[in-house]
C-alpha atoms as a PDB file:
ATOM      1  CA  UNK A   1       2.937   9.366   7.934  1.00  0.00           C
ATOM      2  CA  UNK A   2       0.575   8.005   5.420  1.00  0.00           C
ATOM      3  CA  UNK A   3       1.700  10.556   2.771  1.00  0.00           C
ATOM      4  CA  UNK A   4       5.132  10.000   3.813  1.00  0.00           C
ATOM      5  CA  UNK A   5       5.237   6.090   2.922  1.00  0.00           C
ATOM      6  CA  UNK A   6       2.785   6.822  -0.210  1.00  0.00           C
ATOM      7  CA  UNK A   7       5.855  10.194  -1.651  1.00  0.00           C
ATOM      8  CA  UNK A   8       8.485   7.131  -0.921  1.00  0.00           C
ATOM      9  CA  UNK A   9       6.671   4.763  -3.471  1.00  0.00           C
ATOM     10  CA  UNK A  10       6.491   7.021  -5.785  1.00  0.00           C
ATOM     11  CA  UNK A  11       9.731   8.213  -5.841  1.00  0.00           C
ATOM     12  CA  UNK A  12      11.369   4.668  -6.072  1.00  0.00           C
ATOM     13  CA  UNK A  13       8.970   4.035  -8.923  1.00  0.00           C
ATOM     14  CA  UNK A  14       6.541   1.329  -6.865  1.00  0.00           C
ATOM     15  CA  UNK A  15       3.256   3.037  -8.623  1.00  0.00           C
ATOM     16  CA  UNK A  16       0.976   0.241  -8.010  1.00  0.00           C
ATOM     17  CA  UNK A  17       1.122   0.842  -4.070  1.00  0.00           C
ATOM     18  CA  UNK A  18       1.683   5.105  -5.118  1.00  0.00           C
ATOM     19  CA  UNK A  19      -1.722   4.429  -6.225  1.00  0.00           C
ATOM     20  CA  UNK A  20      -4.024   2.144  -4.085  1.00  0.00           C
ATOM     21  CA  UNK A  21      -2.159   2.748  -0.402  1.00  0.00           C
ATOM     22  CA  UNK A  22      -4.439   4.912   1.217  1.00  0.00           C
ATOM     23  CA  UNK A  23      -7.283   2.345   0.319  1.00  0.00           C
ATOM     24  CA  UNK A  24      -5.521  -0.611   1.287  1.00  0.00           C
ATOM     25  CA  UNK A  25      -4.010   0.909   4.616  1.00  0.00           C
ATOM     26  CA  UNK A  26      -8.439   1.996   5.079  1.00  0.00           C
ATOM     27  CA  UNK A  27      -9.128  -1.328   5.093  1.00  0.00           C
ATOM     28  CA  UNK A  28      -6.261  -2.826   6.601  1.00  0.00           C
ATOM     29  CA  UNK A  29      -7.373  -0.888   9.733  1.00  0.00           C
ATOM     30  CA  UNK A  30     -11.564  -1.602   9.257  1.00  0.00           C
ATOM     31  CA  UNK A  31     -10.265  -5.397   8.998  1.00  0.00           C
ATOM     32  CA  UNK A  32      -7.794  -5.538  11.559  1.00  0.00           C
ATOM     33  CA  UNK A  33      -5.478  -6.853   8.425  1.00  0.00           C
ATOM     34  CA  UNK A  34      -2.767  -8.799   9.973  1.00  0.00           C
ATOM     35  CA  UNK A  35       0.715  -6.353   8.487  1.00  0.00           C
ATOM     36  CA  UNK A  36       1.927  -8.806   6.586  1.00  0.00           C
ATOM     37  CA  UNK A  37      -1.304  -9.202   4.640  1.00  0.00           C
ATOM     38  CA  UNK A  38      -1.601  -5.621   4.492  1.00  0.00           C
ATOM     39  CA  UNK A  39       2.095  -5.587   3.085  1.00  0.00           C
ATOM     40  CA  UNK A  40       0.892  -9.013   0.832  1.00  0.00           C
ATOM     41  CA  UNK A  41      -1.903  -6.649  -0.718  1.00  0.00           C
ATOM     42  CA  UNK A  42       0.645  -4.380  -1.411  1.00  0.00           C
ATOM     43  CA  UNK A  43       2.562  -6.300  -3.377  1.00  0.00           C
ATOM     44  CA  UNK A  44       0.341  -7.854  -5.067  1.00  0.00           C
ATOM     45  CA  UNK A  45      -0.940  -3.910  -6.219  1.00  0.00           C
ATOM     46  CA  UNK A  46       2.782  -3.661  -7.689  1.00  0.00           C
ATOM     47  CA  UNK A  47       3.028  -6.860  -9.350  1.00  0.00           C
ATOM     48  CA  UNK A  48      -0.634  -6.272 -11.283  1.00  0.00           C
ATOM     49  CA  UNK A  49       0.109  -2.592 -11.753  1.00  0.00           C
END
């Protein structure tokens, strides 16, 4: 599933999300982040790309 999300982000030209998805998802699982916080981090990555 991770690869599908990364591919979709790439196709949608969400390069910041594409580049950081693996590290952000690992961080979210390890620390038990709320899904909305995880999404917030991904959106911030995209904004700062």
